[in-house]
Amino acid sequence: MDLAAHPDNSQYGVLAERSPLVRRLLARNPSPFTFTGTGTFVVGRGTVAVIDPGPNDPAHVAALLAGLAGETVSHIVITHTHMDHSPAAPALKAATGALIVGCAPLVLSDDGPRADAGFDASYAPDVVLADGERVSGPDWTLTAVATPGHTSNHLCFALEQEKALFTGDHVMGWSTTVVAPPDGDMADYMASLQKLIGRDDVIYHPTHGEAVTEPQRFVRHLLGHRRQREAQVLRAIDEGLVTIPAMVAAMYAQVDKRLHPAAGRSVLAHLIDLETRGQVVREGDRWARNGDA
């Protein structure tokens, strides 16, 4: 993915205004998987919540605390526990006394290609939020929206006062989401996208990339894209491309080869979903249409 083709106007170290109740601080951890970095969001004025405090980076935490001088952090809210989202929570809690709330802990071994996709073993929430549960401050309310798929513990958070949704990695503002087995699940991811279609949010704030200002249209595009990928997988099998590396080489020929290992995980997620639905079968590392094996 060409980062230059997806401009981000934020400056590192600056707590930037996004709306009357939303500010964002960009962590200095750009990569082919995090885009320009992790966006840490601040919700409210005076007494605030911090969503996804980011990687274990003392400079990022210091910049956040400097930007919030004179204000009180009451809640540290976590969408999921990948290493670019939650590891700064303990340092922020130590500095502010805020409660860590949000997704459930999840620690799995990860043999995938993403250095940032490991799970944060230090994550220790004070309160785990279930779908529909809320935390609030004087001028804000955040409601948990369960959106498994990217990870099984993923939550989005709805800011009722602005009809805004903080989408974590479920919907990103610059690229499609990696769905990487064993924890990532394509069927759950598609169902979680469909869930958002029925909501009335007017803006999404992804952790990576810019805001999404036509959210339902954007989600329909994501659903269509995934269905096209599924059709490509089936067509590849029909054309004799029966291993994941062969499928990736054909399907992602125009994509940065650094992303091919992660693309292979998404292809695997599609294949597992198709296998569950009885459309394909596997023999070792080879795949076939059900009935053709």
Protein backbone atom coordinates (compact mmCIF):
# COMPACT_ATOMS: atom_id res chain seq x y z
CA MET A 1 0.00 0.00 0.00
CA ASP A 2 1.35 3.40 -1.01
CA LEU A 3 1.10 5.60 2.07
CA ALA A 4 1.56 8.71 -0.09
CA ALA A 5 -1.71 7.89 -1.84
CA HIS A 6 -3.58 8.15 1.48
CA PRO A 7 -2.68 11.52 3.01
CA ASP A 8 -3.00 12.03 6.75
CA ASN A 9 -2.83 15.63 7.90
CA SER A 10 -2.03 14.87 11.54
CA GLN A 11 1.31 15.78 13.07
CA TYR A 12 3.08 13.51 15.52
CA GLY A 13 2.97 14.77 19.09
CA VAL A 14 -0.01 17.10 18.48
CA LEU A 15 -3.39 16.48 20.09
CA ALA A 16 -5.51 17.60 17.14
CA GLU A 17 -9.14 18.68 17.10
CA ARG A 18 -11.46 16.38 15.15
CA SER A 19 -14.87 17.59 16.40
CA PRO A 20 -16.28 19.42 19.45
CA LEU A 21 -15.87 16.27 21.57
CA VAL A 22 -13.09 14.38 19.78
CA ARG A 23 -9.33 14.91 19.60
CA ARG A 24 -6.63 12.60 18.18
CA LEU A 25 -2.95 12.07 18.88
CA LEU A 26 -0.98 10.09 16.29
CA ALA A 27 1.64 7.65 17.59
CA ARG A 28 4.97 7.58 15.78
CA ASN A 29 4.67 3.92 14.72
CA PRO A 30 4.06 4.01 10.96
CA SER A 31 4.34 0.74 9.06
CA PRO A 32 2.78 -1.11 6.11
CA PHE A 33 0.18 -2.36 8.61
CA THR A 34 -0.45 0.71 10.79
CA PHE A 35 -0.40 3.30 7.98
CA THR A 36 0.88 6.59 9.48
CA GLY A 37 0.52 5.24 13.02
CA THR A 38 -1.96 4.46 15.77
CA GLY A 39 -4.53 7.17 16.34
CA THR A 40 -5.22 7.63 20.05
CA PHE A 41 -8.56 9.36 20.56
CA VAL A 42 -9.62 11.64 23.40
CA VAL A 43 -13.36 11.99 23.99
CA GLY A 44 -14.89 14.84 25.99
CA ARG A 45 -13.65 18.03 27.60
CA GLY A 46 -12.44 18.44 31.18
CA THR A 47 -13.15 14.85 32.18
CA VAL A 48 -12.21 12.63 29.26
CA ALA A 49 -11.90 9.09 27.98
CA VAL A 50 -8.85 7.93 26.01
CA ILE A 51 -9.53 5.30 23.35
CA ASP A 52 -6.67 2.99 22.33
CA PRO A 53 -3.70 4.64 24.08
CA GLY A 54 -1.36 2.96 21.62
CA PRO A 55 1.98 1.15 21.73
CA ASN A 56 4.34 1.10 24.70
CA ASP A 57 6.02 4.37 23.70
CA PRO A 58 6.91 6.76 26.57
CA ALA A 59 7.14 9.70 24.17
CA HIS A 60 3.58 9.07 22.95
CA VAL A 61 2.24 8.83 26.50
CA ALA A 62 4.13 12.00 27.48
CA ALA A 63 2.68 13.88 24.52
CA LEU A 64 -0.81 12.69 25.44
CA LEU A 65 -0.44 13.79 29.06
CA ALA A 66 0.96 17.16 27.96
CA GLY A 67 -1.98 17.67 25.63
CA LEU A 68 -4.40 16.88 28.46
CA ALA A 69 -2.78 19.09 31.09
CA GLY A 70 -5.47 20.41 33.44
CA GLU A 71 -7.97 17.73 32.41
CA THR A 72 -8.93 14.45 34.11
CA VAL A 73 -8.72 11.07 32.37
CA SER A 74 -11.50 8.95 33.87
CA HIS A 75 -11.44 5.97 31.48
CA ILE A 76 -8.91 4.26 29.21
CA VAL A 77 -10.98 2.45 26.60
CA ILE A 78 -9.58 -0.47 24.57
CA THR A 79 -11.01 -1.78 21.29
CA HIS A 80 -8.75 -4.86 21.16
CA THR A 81 -5.40 -6.01 22.44
CA HIS A 82 -3.03 -5.95 19.48
CA MET A 83 0.34 -4.46 20.35
CA ASP A 84 -0.26 -1.14 18.59
CA HIS A 85 -3.47 -0.46 20.54
CA SER A 86 -3.36 -1.34 24.26
CA PRO A 87 0.21 -1.57 25.69
CA ALA A 88 0.34 2.11 26.74
CA ALA A 89 -2.64 1.58 29.06
CA PRO A 90 -0.66 0.70 32.22
CA ALA A 91 1.56 3.78 31.94
CA LEU A 92 -1.42 6.02 31.33
CA LYS A 93 -3.28 4.47 34.26
CA ALA A 94 -0.26 4.96 36.52
CA ALA A 95 -0.13 8.64 35.57
CA THR A 96 -3.86 9.35 35.82
CA GLY A 97 -5.56 6.74 37.99
CA ALA A 98 -8.09 6.11 35.22
CA LEU A 99 -10.00 2.85 34.89
CA ILE A 100 -9.03 0.54 32.02
CA VAL A 101 -12.24 -0.65 30.37
CA GLY A 102 -13.26 -2.31 27.14
CA CYS A 103 -12.53 -5.61 25.46
CA ALA A 104 -11.78 -8.86 27.23
CA PRO A 105 -8.17 -10.02 27.59
CA LEU A 106 -6.96 -12.28 24.79
CA VAL A 107 -3.48 -13.74 24.52
CA LEU A 108 -2.66 -16.15 21.72
CA SER A 109 0.53 -17.30 20.14
CA ASP A 110 0.79 -15.70 16.72
CA ASP A 111 2.71 -17.23 13.85
CA GLY A 112 1.56 -14.57 11.44
CA PRO A 113 3.58 -12.04 9.46
CA ARG A 114 2.59 -8.91 11.38
CA ALA A 115 4.95 -7.74 14.08
CA ASP A 116 2.13 -5.55 15.41
CA ALA A 117 -0.41 -8.38 15.42
CA GLY A 118 0.83 -10.04 18.58
CA PHE A 119 -1.51 -9.85 21.53
CA ASP A 120 -0.74 -7.69 24.56
CA ALA A 121 -0.10 -10.03 27.50
CA SER A 122 0.06 -7.08 29.92
CA TYR A 123 -3.54 -6.01 29.28
CA ALA A 124 -5.49 -6.12 32.55
CA PRO A 125 -8.85 -4.32 32.34
CA ASP A 126 -10.62 -3.08 35.43
CA VAL A 127 -13.96 -3.59 33.68
CA VAL A 128 -14.76 -5.76 30.65
CA LEU A 129 -17.60 -4.29 28.60
CA ALA A 130 -20.19 -6.42 26.83
CA ASP A 131 -22.16 -5.38 23.76
CA GLY A 132 -24.40 -2.44 24.66
CA GLU A 133 -22.71 -1.56 27.94
CA ARG A 134 -21.68 2.05 28.53
CA VAL A 135 -19.20 4.33 30.22
CA SER A 136 -19.78 8.05 30.50
CA GLY A 137 -18.47 11.44 31.56
CA PRO A 138 -20.09 14.84 32.02
CA ASP A 139 -20.51 15.49 28.29
CA TRP A 140 -20.03 12.08 26.64
CA THR A 141 -21.31 8.52 26.61
CA LEU A 142 -19.53 5.62 24.94
CA THR A 143 -21.44 2.44 24.15
CA ALA A 144 -19.65 -0.82 23.35
CA VAL A 145 -20.53 -2.42 20.00
CA ALA A 146 -19.25 -5.99 19.75
CA THR A 147 -17.57 -6.48 16.36
CA PRO A 148 -15.63 -9.76 16.32
CA GLY A 149 -13.76 -10.75 13.18
CA HIS A 150 -10.43 -8.92 13.08
CA THR A 151 -10.03 -10.39 16.57
CA SER A 152 -12.57 -12.32 18.62
CA ASN A 153 -12.53 -9.68 21.37
CA HIS A 154 -12.88 -6.59 19.14
CA LEU A 155 -15.21 -3.78 20.24
CA CYS A 156 -16.17 -0.54 18.54
CA PHE A 157 -17.44 2.37 20.64
CA ALA A 158 -20.33 4.68 19.79
CA LEU A 159 -20.25 8.31 20.92
CA GLU A 160 -23.95 9.04 21.24
CA GLN A 161 -23.63 12.82 21.39
CA GLU A 162 -22.09 13.00 17.90
CA LYS A 163 -23.45 9.80 16.32
CA ALA A 164 -19.81 8.81 15.84
CA LEU A 165 -18.31 5.34 15.97
CA PHE A 166 -14.72 4.59 16.96
CA THR A 167 -14.05 1.57 14.80
CA GLY A 168 -10.62 0.39 15.97
CA ASP A 169 -9.34 -2.00 13.30
CA HIS A 170 -12.78 -3.29 12.30
CA VAL A 171 -13.10 -0.51 9.73
CA MET A 172 -9.94 1.35 8.75
CA GLY A 173 -9.70 4.63 6.87
CA TRP A 174 -6.92 3.64 4.48
CA SER A 175 -6.99 -0.10 3.78
CA THR A 176 -8.96 -3.27 4.29
CA THR A 177 -8.69 -5.09 7.60
CA VAL A 178 -6.48 -8.14 8.01
CA VAL A 179 -8.51 -11.14 9.16
CA ALA A 180 -5.90 -13.64 10.33
CA PRO A 181 -6.75 -17.10 11.67
CA PRO A 182 -6.66 -18.69 14.15
CA ASP A 183 -8.36 -15.87 16.06
CA GLY A 184 -9.50 -13.79 13.09
CA ASP A 185 -12.71 -15.16 11.62
CA MET A 186 -14.11 -14.14 8.22
CA ALA A 187 -17.70 -15.18 8.94
CA ASP A 188 -17.68 -13.14 12.16
CA TYR A 189 -16.06 -10.21 10.37
CA MET A 190 -18.72 -10.18 7.63
CA ALA A 191 -21.50 -10.42 10.22
CA SER A 192 -19.95 -7.54 12.18
CA LEU A 193 -19.81 -5.39 9.03
CA GLN A 194 -23.44 -6.22 8.34
CA LYS A 195 -24.27 -5.19 11.90
CA LEU A 196 -22.92 -1.69 11.22
CA ILE A 197 -25.18 -1.28 8.17
CA GLY A 198 -28.17 -1.16 10.48
CA ARG A 199 -26.77 1.64 12.62
CA ASP A 200 -27.29 5.39 12.16
CA ASP A 201 -23.71 6.58 12.74
CA VAL A 202 -22.78 9.62 10.66
CA ILE A 203 -18.99 9.34 10.98
CA TYR A 204 -16.40 6.69 11.78
CA HIS A 205 -13.12 7.39 13.56
CA PRO A 206 -10.77 4.48 12.70
CA THR A 207 -7.60 3.91 14.70
CA HIS A 208 -5.64 3.94 11.43
CA GLY A 209 -6.36 6.45 8.68
CA GLU A 210 -8.70 9.37 8.26
CA ALA A 211 -12.35 9.67 9.29
CA VAL A 212 -15.01 7.93 7.21
CA THR A 213 -17.79 10.43 6.47
CA GLU A 214 -20.19 8.18 4.52
CA PRO A 215 -20.03 5.17 6.81
CA GLN A 216 -22.90 2.99 5.55
CA ARG A 217 -21.80 3.41 1.95
CA PHE A 218 -18.23 2.61 2.96
CA VAL A 219 -19.27 -0.55 4.80
CA ARG A 220 -21.32 -1.72 1.83
CA HIS A 221 -18.17 -1.25 -0.26
CA LEU A 222 -16.17 -3.35 2.22
CA LEU A 223 -18.79 -6.11 2.13
CA GLY A 224 -18.75 -6.07 -1.66
CA HIS A 225 -14.95 -6.19 -1.69
CA ARG A 226 -14.88 -9.25 0.56
CA ARG A 227 -17.47 -11.00 -1.59
CA GLN A 228 -15.33 -10.27 -4.64
CA ARG A 229 -12.30 -11.75 -2.86
CA GLU A 230 -14.31 -14.88 -2.04
CA ALA A 231 -15.30 -15.20 -5.70
CA GLN A 232 -11.64 -14.75 -6.69
CA VAL A 233 -10.63 -17.57 -4.34
CA LEU A 234 -13.16 -19.92 -5.92
CA ARG A 235 -12.13 -18.87 -9.42
CA ALA A 236 -8.46 -19.43 -8.56
CA ILE A 237 -9.23 -22.99 -7.46
CA ASP A 238 -11.15 -23.56 -10.69
CA GLU A 239 -8.08 -22.35 -12.61
CA GLY A 240 -5.78 -24.77 -10.82
CA LEU A 241 -4.29 -22.36 -8.26
CA VAL A 242 -4.87 -24.66 -5.31
CA THR A 243 -2.32 -23.41 -2.73
CA ILE A 244 -2.51 -20.14 -0.82
CA PRO A 245 0.81 -18.76 -2.15
CA ALA A 246 -0.37 -19.36 -5.73
CA MET A 247 -3.69 -17.66 -4.99
CA VAL A 248 -2.02 -14.66 -3.35
CA ALA A 249 0.43 -14.20 -6.23
CA ALA A 250 -2.48 -13.99 -8.68
CA MET A 251 -5.02 -12.12 -6.55
CA TYR A 252 -2.62 -9.55 -5.08
CA ALA A 253 -0.27 -9.07 -8.01
CA GLN A 254 -0.56 -5.26 -7.77
CA VAL A 255 -0.12 -5.14 -3.98
CA ASP A 256 3.16 -4.44 -2.18
CA LYS A 257 4.83 -7.84 -1.75
CA ARG A 258 5.55 -6.99 1.89
CA LEU A 259 1.82 -7.38 2.43
CA HIS A 260 1.54 -10.77 0.70
CA PRO A 261 2.04 -12.84 3.88
CA ALA A 262 -0.80 -10.93 5.57
CA ALA A 263 -2.91 -11.28 2.42
CA GLY A 264 -2.33 -15.02 2.67
CA ARG A 265 -3.89 -15.00 6.11
CA SER A 266 -7.00 -13.29 4.75
CA VAL A 267 -7.16 -15.83 1.91
CA LEU A 268 -6.93 -18.58 4.53
CA ALA A 269 -9.78 -16.93 6.45
CA HIS A 270 -11.91 -16.99 3.30
CA LEU A 271 -11.03 -20.64 2.67
CA ILE A 272 -11.91 -21.64 6.23
CA ASP A 273 -15.26 -19.86 5.87
CA LEU A 274 -15.90 -21.59 2.52
CA GLU A 275 -14.90 -24.92 4.06
CA THR A 276 -17.33 -24.40 6.95
CA ARG A 277 -20.09 -23.69 4.42
CA GLY A 278 -19.26 -26.87 2.52
CA GLN A 279 -18.00 -25.21 -0.67
CA VAL A 280 -14.34 -26.27 -0.51
CA VAL A 281 -12.24 -29.03 1.05
CA ARG A 282 -8.55 -29.20 1.87
CA GLU A 283 -5.92 -31.88 1.60
CA GLY A 284 -2.76 -30.73 3.32
CA ASP A 285 -1.87 -27.35 1.83
CA ARG A 286 -4.05 -27.84 -1.25
CA TRP A 287 -7.66 -26.79 -1.68
CA ALA A 288 -10.40 -28.01 -4.01
CA ARG A 289 -14.05 -27.45 -4.69
CA ASN A 290 -16.16 -29.80 -2.57
CA GLY A 291 -16.68 -32.92 -4.68
CA ASP A 292 -13.54 -32.36 -6.75
CA ALA A 293 -10.96 -33.49 -4.20
